[in-house]
Amino acid sequence: MFRTVLTRVQDLDAAKATWTALLGAPTNDSPYYVGWTLGDHEVGLTPAGDQPATGPTPYWHTDDIAAAVAAVTGAGGTQEQAPQDVGGGRLVALVADGEGNQFGLIQDAT
């Protein structure tokens, strides 16, 4: 299920101000992630760094990120970013379908 949407931004403080005006105070606020929990969904901002700020990326939540990456690549997609621990055992990866449309995968810590 897609429950998380992250947007890479060049100016985290400016983007945070805009989203805070719409959604209220963030539930997570750090230099590397600002997020709002909205029911069962998460809307977040991450610094783009040297990557382009490409707009929102939906993240599919899975119980087995390695199997999900294998399914995508086995069906002609690509792994854009290998699974990595982003804190507390939560794993995040970035993949793309055969036409280059990117989406993320999240496996929460067990």
Protein backbone atom coordinates (compact mmCIF):
# COMPACT_ATOMS: atom_id res chain seq x y z
CA MET A 1 0.00 0.00 0.00
CA PHE A 2 1.26 3.48 -0.81
CA ARG A 3 1.17 5.26 2.55
CA THR A 4 4.11 7.64 2.30
CA VAL A 5 4.81 10.46 -0.14
CA LEU A 6 8.20 12.19 0.05
CA THR A 7 9.27 15.29 -1.81
CA ARG A 8 12.94 16.22 -2.28
CA VAL A 9 13.43 19.95 -1.92
CA GLN A 10 16.34 22.35 -2.37
CA ASP A 11 15.32 24.64 0.53
CA LEU A 12 13.97 22.53 3.38
CA ASP A 13 13.10 25.51 5.59
CA ALA A 14 11.12 27.29 2.87
CA ALA A 15 9.25 24.13 1.92
CA LYS A 16 8.58 23.34 5.59
CA ALA A 17 7.03 26.80 6.06
CA THR A 18 4.68 26.26 3.12
CA TRP A 19 3.60 22.76 4.18
CA THR A 20 3.24 23.84 7.83
CA ALA A 21 0.82 26.57 6.75
CA LEU A 22 -1.29 23.87 5.12
CA LEU A 23 -0.89 20.89 7.49
CA GLY A 24 0.07 22.44 10.84
CA ALA A 25 3.15 21.64 12.89
CA PRO A 26 5.20 18.69 11.61
CA THR A 27 5.21 15.48 13.65
CA ASN A 28 8.88 14.90 12.69
CA ASP A 29 11.28 17.81 12.27
CA SER A 30 15.00 17.30 11.70
CA PRO A 31 17.67 18.62 9.31
CA TYR A 32 17.29 15.52 7.11
CA TYR A 33 13.51 14.92 7.29
CA VAL A 34 10.38 16.92 8.01
CA GLY A 35 7.15 14.95 8.06
CA TRP A 36 3.47 15.10 8.88
CA THR A 37 1.51 12.03 9.96
CA LEU A 38 -2.01 12.23 8.57
CA GLY A 39 -3.97 9.24 9.81
CA ASP A 40 -2.27 6.19 8.29
CA HIS A 41 -0.29 8.31 5.81
CA GLU A 42 2.94 10.26 5.97
CA VAL A 43 3.80 13.36 3.93
CA GLY A 44 7.47 14.25 4.13
CA LEU A 45 10.18 16.56 2.86
CA THR A 46 13.82 15.55 2.42
CA PRO A 47 16.77 17.69 1.32
CA ALA A 48 17.61 17.10 -2.33
CA GLY A 49 21.30 17.76 -1.79
CA ASP A 50 23.09 17.35 -5.11
CA GLN A 51 20.14 15.44 -6.62
CA PRO A 52 17.41 17.19 -8.58
CA ALA A 53 14.26 18.16 -6.70
CA THR A 54 11.98 16.00 -8.83
CA GLY A 55 8.70 16.37 -6.98
CA PRO A 56 6.72 13.85 -4.95
CA THR A 57 7.68 10.18 -4.84
CA PRO A 58 5.16 7.62 -3.56
CA TYR A 59 6.50 4.88 -1.28
CA TRP A 60 5.03 1.37 -1.18
CA HIS A 61 5.19 -0.29 2.23
CA THR A 62 6.30 -3.92 2.17
CA ASP A 63 7.22 -6.63 4.66
CA ASP A 64 10.14 -7.82 2.47
CA ILE A 65 12.03 -5.05 0.68
CA ALA A 66 14.54 -7.45 -0.94
CA ALA A 67 11.71 -9.47 -2.50
CA ALA A 68 9.97 -6.29 -3.67
CA VAL A 69 13.17 -4.99 -5.34
CA ALA A 70 13.65 -8.41 -6.97
CA ALA A 71 10.06 -8.39 -8.25
CA VAL A 72 10.46 -4.93 -9.79
CA THR A 73 13.82 -5.68 -11.43
CA GLY A 74 12.60 -9.11 -12.56
CA ALA A 75 9.70 -7.43 -14.35
CA GLY A 76 12.00 -5.08 -16.30
CA GLY A 77 12.32 -2.27 -13.75
CA THR A 78 15.53 -0.95 -12.23
CA GLN A 79 16.92 -0.40 -8.78
CA GLU A 80 17.76 3.29 -8.50
CA GLN A 81 18.90 3.23 -4.85
CA ALA A 82 19.71 0.07 -2.90
CA PRO A 83 17.86 -0.55 0.36
CA GLN A 84 19.41 1.43 3.18
CA ASP A 85 18.64 1.80 6.86
CA VAL A 86 17.36 5.33 7.46
CA GLY A 87 17.16 4.89 11.22
CA GLY A 88 15.69 2.49 13.69
CA GLY A 89 15.84 -0.43 11.28
CA ARG A 90 13.55 1.15 8.68
CA LEU A 91 14.77 0.24 5.20
CA VAL A 92 14.14 2.45 2.17
CA ALA A 93 14.90 1.79 -1.51
CA LEU A 94 14.14 3.59 -4.76
CA VAL A 95 13.12 1.68 -7.90
CA ALA A 96 11.71 2.53 -11.32
CA ASP A 97 9.39 0.75 -13.71
CA GLY A 98 10.39 -0.10 -17.28
CA GLU A 99 9.57 3.44 -18.42
CA GLY A 100 11.65 5.13 -15.73
CA ASN A 101 8.81 6.15 -13.38
CA GLN A 102 10.31 6.11 -9.91
CA PHE A 103 8.69 4.97 -6.70
CA GLY A 104 10.03 4.00 -3.33
CA LEU A 105 9.84 0.95 -1.13
CA ILE A 106 9.75 1.00 2.68
CA GLN A 107 10.16 -1.88 5.08
CA ASP A 108 9.53 -0.92 8.68
CA ALA A 109 11.63 -2.43 11.45
CA THR A 110 10.26 -5.64 12.88
